[in-house]
Amino acid sequence: MTVALQEDRSSADQHKTLDGRKLGREIRDVVADEARKLEGDGWSPRLVSIAVGETDAAKLYIRNQRRVAEQTGIAFEERFYSDKVTQEEMLAAIRSLNADPRVSGVILQRPVPQHLSIKQLQSAIHPLKDVEGMHPASIGNIVYNELALGPCTSVASVELLKATGLNLQGLEVVVIGHSEIVGKPIAFLLMSEGATVTVCHHMTRNLSVHSRQADAVFVAVGKPQLITGSMIKPGAAVIDIGINQVNEPDGSSRVVGDADYESCQEVAGWITPVPGGVGPVTVSILMRNTLTALKLQRQHYETQFGREVV
């Protein structure tokens, strides 16, 4: 796979923008080839999206997922549930998908209504169909360096760091944000690669002291432009996972990350834009996980029945 780096000719320095759209396309091309082969063997990948209630964020994610699924030859099915649905009804729906051999993967869109337990619902998805990588077993496997179905956003973020060509062994990395679905998995993924990792969060004192020492900074806290150029070491890689909508004085709005791109790009060796950075790679990793899940299920069925299943 070629390194997805895009020279920024508008800057006088040597910084490079990490082009998530290009890297995402490269991953999708590989996924599409594998999907065709599986289809030829009689195994058709199918991804089912579950959304509860009406949220603009979930609608956007679903549109992107459907578009990329169609590009890679993966059947995509949307299932919407009322925000009045009960926990028991949702658990029953998930169990039905777990038992359906036509379903390769299940993704539960966030957010869900407050009366539902996202943790319990995520845990109900069978680990072999957990293409989002959010089942406790999937998260736990990272500790043992078993990364078959890793969390999509975390894996995508690390893939972008690898695209810089930096040697991850011994690399000094700071992860800002310690959520269970992004920050913590990134830290474990990086440690499995041999990086030296510091995790910062809202209780960290003197954040900039840590960030300025790092060869690479990951930020995922949901605070617009929290990280500025003065907070990073010259030549460092900045992987911005934040997606925030900010309002301009003229009444318009724009999407920005957790890093101040303008000031950071003057200092960074590599930086991800928002949008166009981590997001496109995340959706491609979701499709790659869907194929991986299908292969694991095929292996499971063939082992169980003691012969090749077609």
C-alpha atoms as a PDB file:
ATOM      1  CA  MET A   1       0.000   0.000   0.000  1.00  0.00           C
ATOM      2  CA  THR A   2       1.435   3.365  -0.925  1.00  0.00           C
ATOM      3  CA  VAL A   3       1.973   5.995   1.718  1.00  0.00           C
ATOM      4  CA  ALA A   4      -0.954   8.398   1.721  1.00  0.00           C
ATOM      5  CA  LEU A   5       0.888  11.671   2.082  1.00  0.00           C
ATOM      6  CA  GLN A   6      -0.028  14.833   0.298  1.00  0.00           C
ATOM      7  CA  GLU A   7       2.485  17.670  -0.018  1.00  0.00           C
ATOM      8  CA  ASP A   8       1.034  20.994   1.074  1.00  0.00           C
ATOM      9  CA  ARG A   9       2.534  23.379  -1.479  1.00  0.00           C
ATOM     10  CA  SER A  10       0.910  26.390   0.173  1.00  0.00           C
ATOM     11  CA  SER A  11       3.222  26.204   3.165  1.00  0.00           C
ATOM     12  CA  ALA A  12       6.824  27.282   3.175  1.00  0.00           C
ATOM     13  CA  ASP A  13       7.797  24.533   5.570  1.00  0.00           C
ATOM     14  CA  GLN A  14       8.021  20.825   4.878  1.00  0.00           C
ATOM     15  CA  HIS A  15       4.887  19.712   6.678  1.00  0.00           C
ATOM     16  CA  LYS A  16       2.704  17.088   5.033  1.00  0.00           C
ATOM     17  CA  THR A  17      -1.024  16.661   5.231  1.00  0.00           C
ATOM     18  CA  LEU A  18      -2.028  13.079   5.963  1.00  0.00           C
ATOM     19  CA  ASP A  19      -4.622  12.457   3.276  1.00  0.00           C
ATOM     20  CA  GLY A  20      -7.275  10.255   4.863  1.00  0.00           C
ATOM     21  CA  ARG A  21      -9.342  10.145   1.691  1.00  0.00           C
ATOM     22  CA  LYS A  22      -6.458   8.650  -0.274  1.00  0.00           C
ATOM     23  CA  LEU A  23      -5.584   6.100   2.400  1.00  0.00           C
ATOM     24  CA  GLY A  24      -9.266   5.216   2.732  1.00  0.00           C
ATOM     25  CA  ARG A  25      -9.483   4.573  -1.034  1.00  0.00           C
ATOM     26  CA  GLU A  26      -6.441   2.314  -0.891  1.00  0.00           C
ATOM     27  CA  ILE A  27      -7.990   0.243   1.878  1.00  0.00           C
ATOM     28  CA  ARG A  28     -11.317   0.100   0.014  1.00  0.00           C
ATOM     29  CA  ASP A  29      -9.618  -1.169  -3.146  1.00  0.00           C
ATOM     30  CA  VAL A  30      -8.174  -4.111  -1.233  1.00  0.00           C
ATOM     31  CA  VAL A  31     -11.528  -4.758   0.466  1.00  0.00           C
ATOM     32  CA  ALA A  32     -13.352  -4.708  -2.882  1.00  0.00           C
ATOM     33  CA  ASP A  33     -10.988  -7.324  -4.333  1.00  0.00           C
ATOM     34  CA  GLU A  34     -11.437  -9.585  -1.323  1.00  0.00           C
ATOM     35  CA  ALA A  35     -15.220  -9.108  -1.367  1.00  0.00           C
ATOM     36  CA  ARG A  36     -15.348 -10.282  -4.986  1.00  0.00           C
ATOM     37  CA  LYS A  37     -13.350 -13.393  -4.119  1.00  0.00           C
ATOM     38  CA  LEU A  38     -15.595 -14.220  -1.185  1.00  0.00           C
ATOM     39  CA  GLU A  39     -18.663 -13.658  -3.332  1.00  0.00           C
ATOM     40  CA  GLY A  40     -17.226 -16.073  -5.883  1.00  0.00           C
ATOM     41  CA  ASP A  41     -16.861 -18.678  -3.132  1.00  0.00           C
ATOM     42  CA  GLY A  42     -20.490 -18.260  -2.161  1.00  0.00           C
ATOM     43  CA  TRP A  43     -19.929 -15.993   0.834  1.00  0.00           C
ATOM     44  CA  SER A  44     -21.657 -12.631   0.485  1.00  0.00           C
ATOM     45  CA  PRO A  45     -20.678  -9.897   2.972  1.00  0.00           C
ATOM     46  CA  ARG A  46     -23.597  -8.066   4.546  1.00  0.00           C
ATOM     47  CA  LEU A  47     -23.426  -5.214   7.057  1.00  0.00           C
ATOM     48  CA  VAL A  48     -26.459  -4.246   9.147  1.00  0.00           C
ATOM     49  CA  SER A  49     -26.694  -0.804  10.720  1.00  0.00           C
ATOM     50  CA  ILE A  50     -28.878  -0.279  13.800  1.00  0.00           C
ATOM     51  CA  ALA A  51     -30.000   3.252  14.660  1.00  0.00           C
ATOM     52  CA  VAL A  52     -32.348   4.266  17.474  1.00  0.00           C
ATOM     53  CA  GLY A  53     -34.170   7.581  17.287  1.00  0.00           C
ATOM     54  CA  GLU A  54     -33.543  10.483  14.925  1.00  0.00           C
ATOM     55  CA  THR A  55     -30.129  12.132  15.104  1.00  0.00           C
ATOM     56  CA  ASP A  56     -28.376  14.104  12.392  1.00  0.00           C
ATOM     57  CA  ALA A  57     -25.000  12.637  13.323  1.00  0.00           C
ATOM     58  CA  ALA A  58     -26.220   9.057  12.912  1.00  0.00           C
ATOM     59  CA  LYS A  59     -27.857   9.893   9.573  1.00  0.00           C
ATOM     60  CA  LEU A  60     -24.574  11.310   8.281  1.00  0.00           C
ATOM     61  CA  TYR A  61     -22.609   8.272   9.441  1.00  0.00           C
ATOM     62  CA  ILE A  62     -25.117   5.911   7.847  1.00  0.00           C
ATOM     63  CA  ARG A  63     -25.021   7.736   4.505  1.00  0.00           C
ATOM     64  CA  ASN A  64     -21.230   7.519   4.445  1.00  0.00           C
ATOM     65  CA  GLN A  65     -21.244   3.871   5.456  1.00  0.00           C
ATOM     66  CA  ARG A  66     -23.786   2.953   2.767  1.00  0.00           C
ATOM     67  CA  ARG A  67     -21.796   4.796   0.095  1.00  0.00           C
ATOM     68  CA  VAL A  68     -18.518   3.083   0.986  1.00  0.00           C
ATOM     69  CA  ALA A  69     -20.215  -0.315   1.348  1.00  0.00           C
ATOM     70  CA  GLU A  70     -21.592   0.013  -2.181  1.00  0.00           C
ATOM     71  CA  GLN A  71     -18.123   0.922  -3.460  1.00  0.00           C
ATOM     72  CA  THR A  72     -16.625  -2.207  -1.910  1.00  0.00           C
ATOM     73  CA  GLY A  73     -19.343  -4.687  -2.853  1.00  0.00           C
ATOM     74  CA  ILE A  74     -20.738  -5.116   0.645  1.00  0.00           C
ATOM     75  CA  ALA A  75     -24.521  -5.279   1.025  1.00  0.00           C
ATOM     76  CA  PHE A  76     -25.716  -2.640   3.470  1.00  0.00           C
ATOM     77  CA  GLU A  77     -28.988  -2.760   5.405  1.00  0.00           C
ATOM     78  CA  GLU A  78     -30.396  -0.015   7.622  1.00  0.00           C
ATOM     79  CA  ARG A  79     -32.646  -0.797  10.566  1.00  0.00           C
ATOM     80  CA  PHE A  80     -34.247   2.114  12.402  1.00  0.00           C
ATOM     81  CA  TYR A  81     -35.985   1.859  15.767  1.00  0.00           C
ATOM     82  CA  SER A  82     -38.159   4.366  17.582  1.00  0.00           C
ATOM     83  CA  ASP A  83     -36.637   6.260  20.490  1.00  0.00           C
ATOM     84  CA  LYS A  84     -39.378   4.617  22.555  1.00  0.00           C
ATOM     85  CA  VAL A  85     -37.985   1.122  21.995  1.00  0.00           C
ATOM     86  CA  THR A  86     -37.171  -0.800  25.177  1.00  0.00           C
ATOM     87  CA  GLN A  87     -33.871  -2.354  26.157  1.00  0.00           C
ATOM     88  CA  GLU A  88     -35.424  -5.821  25.937  1.00  0.00           C
ATOM     89  CA  GLU A  89     -36.713  -5.175  22.411  1.00  0.00           C
ATOM     90  CA  MET A  90     -33.293  -3.993  21.271  1.00  0.00           C
ATOM     91  CA  LEU A  91     -31.563  -6.986  22.826  1.00  0.00           C
ATOM     92  CA  ALA A  92     -34.002  -9.293  21.033  1.00  0.00           C
ATOM     93  CA  ALA A  93     -33.297  -7.549  17.713  1.00  0.00           C
ATOM     94  CA  ILE A  94     -29.542  -7.937  18.188  1.00  0.00           C
ATOM     95  CA  ARG A  95     -29.853 -11.604  19.111  1.00  0.00           C
ATOM     96  CA  SER A  96     -31.863 -12.168  15.934  1.00  0.00           C
ATOM     97  CA  LEU A  97     -29.048 -10.651  13.859  1.00  0.00           C
ATOM     98  CA  ASN A  98     -26.479 -12.740  15.728  1.00  0.00           C
ATOM     99  CA  ALA A  99     -28.361 -15.878  14.700  1.00  0.00           C
ATOM    100  CA  ASP A 100     -28.822 -14.865  11.061  1.00  0.00           C
ATOM    101  CA  PRO A 101     -26.106 -16.503   8.900  1.00  0.00           C
ATOM    102  CA  ARG A 102     -26.754 -13.945   6.142  1.00  0.00           C
ATOM    103  CA  VAL A 103     -25.452 -11.124   8.369  1.00  0.00           C
ATOM    104  CA  SER A 104     -21.679 -10.681   8.451  1.00  0.00           C
ATOM    105  CA  GLY A 105     -21.501  -7.673  10.746  1.00  0.00           C
ATOM    106  CA  VAL A 106     -23.596  -5.440  12.979  1.00  0.00           C
ATOM    107  CA  ILE A 107     -22.882  -1.813  13.837  1.00  0.00           C
ATOM    108  CA  LEU A 108     -24.796   0.087  16.498  1.00  0.00           C
ATOM    109  CA  GLN A 109     -24.945   3.793  15.695  1.00  0.00           C
ATOM    110  CA  ARG A 110     -24.289   6.310  18.434  1.00  0.00           C
ATOM    111  CA  PRO A 111     -25.842   8.074  20.214  1.00  0.00           C
ATOM    112  CA  VAL A 112     -28.738   6.048  21.585  1.00  0.00           C
ATOM    113  CA  PRO A 113     -31.521   7.377  23.866  1.00  0.00           C
ATOM    114  CA  GLN A 114     -30.535   7.733  27.502  1.00  0.00           C
ATOM    115  CA  HIS A 115     -32.909   5.024  28.688  1.00  0.00           C
ATOM    116  CA  LEU A 116     -30.892   2.427  26.753  1.00  0.00           C
ATOM    117  CA  SER A 117     -27.613   0.972  27.997  1.00  0.00           C
ATOM    118  CA  ILE A 118     -25.132   1.333  25.137  1.00  0.00           C
ATOM    119  CA  LYS A 119     -22.671  -0.896  26.978  1.00  0.00           C
ATOM    120  CA  GLN A 120     -25.193  -3.713  27.368  1.00  0.00           C
ATOM    121  CA  LEU A 121     -26.342  -3.437  23.757  1.00  0.00           C
ATOM    122  CA  GLN A 122     -22.794  -3.428  22.444  1.00  0.00           C
ATOM    123  CA  SER A 123     -21.988  -6.445  24.587  1.00  0.00           C
ATOM    124  CA  ALA A 124     -24.980  -8.274  23.110  1.00  0.00           C
ATOM    125  CA  ILE A 125     -23.505  -8.186  19.593  1.00  0.00           C
ATOM    126  CA  HIS A 126     -21.683 -11.459  18.980  1.00  0.00           C
ATOM    127  CA  PRO A 127     -17.887 -10.938  18.968  1.00  0.00           C
ATOM    128  CA  LEU A 128     -17.678 -12.555  15.511  1.00  0.00           C
ATOM    129  CA  LYS A 129     -20.091  -9.907  14.172  1.00  0.00           C
ATOM    130  CA  ASP A 130     -18.711  -6.973  16.139  1.00  0.00           C
ATOM    131  CA  VAL A 131     -17.317  -5.101  13.135  1.00  0.00           C
ATOM    132  CA  GLU A 132     -17.128  -1.849  15.087  1.00  0.00           C
ATOM    133  CA  GLY A 133     -14.708  -3.500  17.519  1.00  0.00           C
ATOM    134  CA  MET A 134     -16.610  -2.302  20.572  1.00  0.00           C
ATOM    135  CA  HIS A 135     -17.523  -5.598  22.242  1.00  0.00           C
ATOM    136  CA  PRO A 136     -15.662  -6.030  25.564  1.00  0.00           C
ATOM    137  CA  ALA A 137     -13.981  -9.110  24.087  1.00  0.00           C
ATOM    138  CA  SER A 138     -12.776  -7.086  21.099  1.00  0.00           C
ATOM    139  CA  ILE A 139     -11.415  -4.338  23.339  1.00  0.00           C
ATOM    140  CA  GLY A 140      -9.810  -6.894  25.638  1.00  0.00           C
ATOM    141  CA  ASN A 141      -8.108  -8.683  22.754  1.00  0.00           C
ATOM    142  CA  ILE A 142      -6.053  -5.554  22.090  1.00  0.00           C
ATOM    143  CA  VAL A 143      -4.216  -6.153  25.365  1.00  0.00           C
ATOM    144  CA  TYR A 144      -3.112  -9.537  23.993  1.00  0.00           C
ATOM    145  CA  ASN A 145      -2.189  -8.030  20.609  1.00  0.00           C
ATOM    146  CA  GLU A 146      -5.019  -9.868  18.867  1.00  0.00           C
ATOM    147  CA  LEU A 147      -6.264  -7.199  16.493  1.00  0.00           C
ATOM    148  CA  ALA A 148      -8.533  -9.048  14.048  1.00  0.00           C
ATOM    149  CA  LEU A 149     -11.536  -6.813  14.823  1.00  0.00           C
ATOM    150  CA  GLY A 150     -10.058  -3.705  16.370  1.00  0.00           C
ATOM    151  CA  PRO A 151     -12.084  -0.530  17.100  1.00  0.00           C
ATOM    152  CA  CYS A 152     -12.491   1.259  13.768  1.00  0.00           C
ATOM    153  CA  THR A 153     -11.615   4.824  14.758  1.00  0.00           C
ATOM    154  CA  SER A 154      -8.651   3.754  16.860  1.00  0.00           C
ATOM    155  CA  VAL A 155      -7.274   1.463  14.155  1.00  0.00           C
ATOM    156  CA  ALA A 156      -7.773   4.176  11.530  1.00  0.00           C
ATOM    157  CA  SER A 157      -5.869   6.690  13.653  1.00  0.00           C
ATOM    158  CA  VAL A 158      -2.915   4.357  14.070  1.00  0.00           C
ATOM    159  CA  GLU A 159      -2.963   3.517  10.348  1.00  0.00           C
ATOM    160  CA  LEU A 160      -2.546   7.226   9.614  1.00  0.00           C
ATOM    161  CA  LEU A 161       0.444   7.432  11.944  1.00  0.00           C
ATOM    162  CA  LYS A 162       1.980   4.434  10.160  1.00  0.00           C
ATOM    163  CA  ALA A 163       1.473   6.269   6.865  1.00  0.00           C
ATOM    164  CA  THR A 164       4.077   8.815   7.967  1.00  0.00           C
ATOM    165  CA  GLY A 165       6.764   6.165   7.741  1.00  0.00           C
ATOM    166  CA  LEU A 166       7.886   6.854  11.302  1.00  0.00           C
ATOM    167  CA  ASN A 167       9.270   3.880  13.206  1.00  0.00           C
ATOM    168  CA  LEU A 168       6.716   3.229  15.942  1.00  0.00           C
ATOM    169  CA  GLN A 169       9.150   1.227  18.063  1.00  0.00           C
ATOM    170  CA  GLY A 170      10.247   3.528  20.855  1.00  0.00           C
ATOM    171  CA  LEU A 171       8.286   6.464  19.444  1.00  0.00           C
ATOM    172  CA  GLU A 172       7.194   8.943  22.117  1.00  0.00           C
ATOM    173  CA  VAL A 173       3.422   9.330  21.754  1.00  0.00           C
ATOM    174  CA  VAL A 174       0.901  11.355  23.714  1.00  0.00           C
ATOM    175  CA  VAL A 175      -2.782  10.416  23.517  1.00  0.00           C
ATOM    176  CA  ILE A 176      -5.054  13.224  24.673  1.00  0.00           C
ATOM    177  CA  GLY A 177      -8.411  11.770  25.689  1.00  0.00           C
ATOM    178  CA  HIS A 178      -8.990   8.497  27.513  1.00  0.00           C
ATOM    179  CA  SER A 179     -12.425   7.370  26.345  1.00  0.00           C
ATOM    180  CA  GLU A 180     -13.182   3.665  26.238  1.00  0.00           C
ATOM    181  CA  ILE A 181     -13.989   3.775  22.516  1.00  0.00           C
ATOM    182  CA  VAL A 182     -11.089   5.873  21.193  1.00  0.00           C
ATOM    183  CA  GLY A 183      -8.337   7.046  23.540  1.00  0.00           C
ATOM    184  CA  LYS A 184      -7.706   3.903  25.555  1.00  0.00           C
ATOM    185  CA  PRO A 185      -7.777   1.537  22.532  1.00  0.00           C
ATOM    186  CA  ILE A 186      -5.336   3.828  20.685  1.00  0.00           C
ATOM    187  CA  ALA A 187      -2.951   3.635  23.627  1.00  0.00           C
ATOM    188  CA  PHE A 188      -3.044  -0.161  23.667  1.00  0.00           C
ATOM    189  CA  LEU A 189      -2.672  -0.395  19.886  1.00  0.00           C
ATOM    190  CA  LEU A 190       0.392   1.841  20.012  1.00  0.00           C
ATOM    191  CA  MET A 191       1.923  -0.090  22.877  1.00  0.00           C
ATOM    192  CA  SER A 192       1.510  -3.279  20.854  1.00  0.00           C
ATOM    193  CA  GLU A 193       3.603  -1.577  18.161  1.00  0.00           C
ATOM    194  CA  GLY A 194       6.353  -0.794  20.674  1.00  0.00           C
ATOM    195  CA  ALA A 195       5.614   2.900  21.174  1.00  0.00           C
ATOM    196  CA  THR A 196       6.093   4.649  24.513  1.00  0.00           C
ATOM    197  CA  VAL A 197       2.679   6.070  25.339  1.00  0.00           C
ATOM    198  CA  THR A 198       1.469   8.771  27.712  1.00  0.00           C
ATOM    199  CA  VAL A 199      -2.301   9.187  28.097  1.00  0.00           C
ATOM    200  CA  CYS A 200      -3.578  12.633  29.112  1.00  0.00           C
ATOM    201  CA  HIS A 201      -7.110  13.577  30.141  1.00  0.00           C
ATOM    202  CA  HIS A 202      -9.137  16.274  31.871  1.00  0.00           C
ATOM    203  CA  MET A 203      -7.277  15.739  35.154  1.00  0.00           C
ATOM    204  CA  THR A 204      -3.818  16.001  33.586  1.00  0.00           C
ATOM    205  CA  ARG A 205      -1.721  18.879  34.886  1.00  0.00           C
ATOM    206  CA  ASN A 206       0.286  20.952  32.422  1.00  0.00           C
ATOM    207  CA  LEU A 207      -0.955  19.246  29.262  1.00  0.00           C
ATOM    208  CA  SER A 208       1.421  21.172  27.042  1.00  0.00           C
ATOM    209  CA  VAL A 209       4.431  19.863  28.966  1.00  0.00           C
ATOM    210  CA  HIS A 210       3.497  16.356  27.852  1.00  0.00           C
ATOM    211  CA  SER A 211       2.417  17.230  24.316  1.00  0.00           C
ATOM    212  CA  ARG A 212       5.584  19.223  23.520  1.00  0.00           C
ATOM    213  CA  GLN A 213       7.738  16.178  24.289  1.00  0.00           C
ATOM    214  CA  ALA A 214       5.891  13.842  21.935  1.00  0.00           C
ATOM    215  CA  ASP A 215       6.934  12.631  18.489  1.00  0.00           C
ATOM    216  CA  ALA A 216       3.245  12.053  17.774  1.00  0.00           C
ATOM    217  CA  VAL A 217       0.103  13.511  19.343  1.00  0.00           C
ATOM    218  CA  PHE A 218      -3.362  11.960  19.105  1.00  0.00           C
ATOM    219  CA  VAL A 219      -6.233  14.152  20.273  1.00  0.00           C
ATOM    220  CA  ALA A 220      -9.835  13.029  20.785  1.00  0.00           C
ATOM    221  CA  VAL A 221     -11.618  15.131  23.392  1.00  0.00           C
ATOM    222  CA  GLY A 222     -14.374  16.991  21.530  1.00  0.00           C
ATOM    223  CA  LYS A 223     -13.026  20.477  22.280  1.00  0.00           C
ATOM    224  CA  PRO A 224     -12.598  22.685  19.212  1.00  0.00           C
ATOM    225  CA  GLN A 225      -9.004  23.682  18.480  1.00  0.00           C
ATOM    226  CA  LEU A 226      -7.761  22.700  21.935  1.00  0.00           C
ATOM    227  CA  ILE A 227      -4.262  21.896  20.695  1.00  0.00           C
ATOM    228  CA  THR A 228      -2.269  24.772  19.201  1.00  0.00           C
ATOM    229  CA  GLY A 229       1.038  24.925  17.414  1.00  0.00           C
ATOM    230  CA  SER A 230       2.798  26.094  20.564  1.00  0.00           C
ATOM    231  CA  MET A 231       1.810  22.834  22.263  1.00  0.00           C
ATOM    232  CA  ILE A 232       3.581  20.441  19.897  1.00  0.00           C
ATOM    233  CA  LYS A 233       7.177  19.631  19.117  1.00  0.00           C
ATOM    234  CA  PRO A 234       8.510  20.755  15.729  1.00  0.00           C
ATOM    235  CA  GLY A 235       8.242  17.904  13.245  1.00  0.00           C
ATOM    236  CA  ALA A 236       5.764  15.898  15.310  1.00  0.00           C
ATOM    237  CA  ALA A 237       2.811  14.047  13.791  1.00  0.00           C
ATOM    238  CA  VAL A 238      -0.620  15.311  14.831  1.00  0.00           C
ATOM    239  CA  ILE A 239      -3.554  12.911  14.475  1.00  0.00           C
ATOM    240  CA  ASP A 240      -6.745  14.892  15.059  1.00  0.00           C
ATOM    241  CA  ILE A 241      -9.782  12.711  15.770  1.00  0.00           C
ATOM    242  CA  GLY A 242     -12.121  15.492  16.897  1.00  0.00           C
ATOM    243  CA  ILE A 243     -15.141  16.605  14.894  1.00  0.00           C
ATOM    244  CA  ASN A 244     -16.695  19.849  16.108  1.00  0.00           C
ATOM    245  CA  GLN A 245     -19.075  22.316  14.527  1.00  0.00           C
ATOM    246  CA  VAL A 246     -18.322  25.940  15.328  1.00  0.00           C
ATOM    247  CA  ASN A 247     -20.346  29.027  14.489  1.00  0.00           C
ATOM    248  CA  GLU A 248     -18.750  31.964  12.711  1.00  0.00           C
ATOM    249  CA  PRO A 249     -19.534  35.655  13.445  1.00  0.00           C
ATOM    250  CA  ASP A 250     -21.410  35.915  10.132  1.00  0.00           C
ATOM    251  CA  GLY A 251     -23.802  33.151  11.206  1.00  0.00           C
ATOM    252  CA  SER A 252     -22.236  30.402   9.114  1.00  0.00           C
ATOM    253  CA  SER A 253     -20.735  27.257  10.610  1.00  0.00           C
ATOM    254  CA  ARG A 254     -17.785  25.032   9.848  1.00  0.00           C
ATOM    255  CA  VAL A 255     -16.344  21.747  11.021  1.00  0.00           C
ATOM    256  CA  VAL A 256     -13.042  21.816  12.893  1.00  0.00           C
ATOM    257  CA  GLY A 257     -10.990  19.328  14.821  1.00  0.00           C
ATOM    258  CA  ASP A 258      -9.586  19.279  18.340  1.00  0.00           C
ATOM    259  CA  ALA A 259      -6.350  20.749  16.975  1.00  0.00           C
ATOM    260  CA  ASP A 260      -5.998  24.267  15.577  1.00  0.00           C
ATOM    261  CA  TYR A 261      -4.983  23.251  12.056  1.00  0.00           C
ATOM    262  CA  GLU A 262      -3.602  26.627  11.005  1.00  0.00           C
ATOM    263  CA  SER A 263      -1.126  26.988  13.858  1.00  0.00           C
ATOM    264  CA  CYS A 264      -0.308  23.281  14.146  1.00  0.00           C
ATOM    265  CA  GLN A 265       0.489  22.848  10.457  1.00  0.00           C
ATOM    266  CA  GLU A 266       3.197  25.495  10.773  1.00  0.00           C
ATOM    267  CA  VAL A 267       5.011  23.297  13.310  1.00  0.00           C
ATOM    268  CA  ALA A 268       3.978  19.710  12.638  1.00  0.00           C
ATOM    269  CA  GLY A 269       5.828  17.280  10.400  1.00  0.00           C
ATOM    270  CA  TRP A 270       2.512  15.626   9.534  1.00  0.00           C
ATOM    271  CA  ILE A 271      -1.073  16.517  10.372  1.00  0.00           C
ATOM    272  CA  THR A 272      -4.546  15.175   9.609  1.00  0.00           C
ATOM    273  CA  PRO A 273      -7.119  17.656   8.300  1.00  0.00           C
ATOM    274  CA  VAL A 274     -10.685  17.824   9.583  1.00  0.00           C
ATOM    275  CA  PRO A 275     -12.627  16.803   7.628  1.00  0.00           C
ATOM    276  CA  GLY A 276     -10.709  14.458   5.328  1.00  0.00           C
ATOM    277  CA  GLY A 277      -8.398  12.839   7.859  1.00  0.00           C
ATOM    278  CA  VAL A 278      -9.402  10.099  10.275  1.00  0.00           C
ATOM    279  CA  GLY A 279     -13.065   9.905   9.155  1.00  0.00           C
ATOM    280  CA  PRO A 280     -12.624   8.401   5.668  1.00  0.00           C
ATOM    281  CA  VAL A 281     -10.151   5.839   6.982  1.00  0.00           C
ATOM    282  CA  THR A 282     -12.513   4.850   9.795  1.00  0.00           C
ATOM    283  CA  VAL A 283     -15.312   3.940   7.366  1.00  0.00           C
ATOM    284  CA  SER A 284     -12.882   1.913   5.247  1.00  0.00           C
ATOM    285  CA  ILE A 285     -11.674   0.044   8.347  1.00  0.00           C
ATOM    286  CA  LEU A 286     -15.333  -0.741   9.111  1.00  0.00           C
ATOM    287  CA  MET A 287     -15.632  -2.411   5.701  1.00  0.00           C
ATOM    288  CA  ARG A 288     -12.360  -4.262   6.201  1.00  0.00           C
ATOM    289  CA  ASN A 289     -13.631  -5.494   9.564  1.00  0.00           C
ATOM    290  CA  THR A 290     -16.837  -6.684   7.885  1.00  0.00           C
ATOM    291  CA  LEU A 291     -14.822  -8.921   5.574  1.00  0.00           C
ATOM    292  CA  THR A 292     -12.635 -10.092   8.441  1.00  0.00           C
ATOM    293  CA  ALA A 293     -15.767 -10.983  10.415  1.00  0.00           C
ATOM    294  CA  LEU A 294     -17.133 -12.945   7.458  1.00  0.00           C
ATOM    295  CA  LYS A 295     -13.870 -14.868   7.124  1.00  0.00           C
ATOM    296  CA  LEU A 296     -13.881 -15.682  10.837  1.00  0.00           C
ATOM    297  CA  GLN A 297     -17.485 -16.870  10.617  1.00  0.00           C
ATOM    298  CA  ARG A 298     -16.644 -19.011   7.601  1.00  0.00           C
ATOM    299  CA  GLN A 299     -13.744 -20.548   9.499  1.00  0.00           C
ATOM    300  CA  HIS A 300     -16.018 -21.153  12.479  1.00  0.00           C
ATOM    301  CA  TYR A 301     -18.669 -22.894  10.383  1.00  0.00           C
ATOM    302  CA  GLU A 302     -16.119 -25.020   8.550  1.00  0.00           C
ATOM    303  CA  THR A 303     -14.478 -26.040  11.821  1.00  0.00           C
ATOM    304  CA  GLN A 304     -17.835 -26.804  13.389  1.00  0.00           C
ATOM    305  CA  PHE A 305     -19.049 -28.949  10.492  1.00  0.00           C
ATOM    306  CA  GLY A 306     -15.638 -30.418   9.701  1.00  0.00           C
ATOM    307  CA  ARG A 307     -15.756 -29.557   5.996  1.00  0.00           C
ATOM    308  CA  GLU A 308     -15.766 -26.642   3.602  1.00  0.00           C
ATOM    309  CA  VAL A 309     -19.078 -24.807   3.706  1.00  0.00           C
ATOM    310  CA  VAL A 310     -20.364 -23.250   0.481  1.00  0.00           C
END
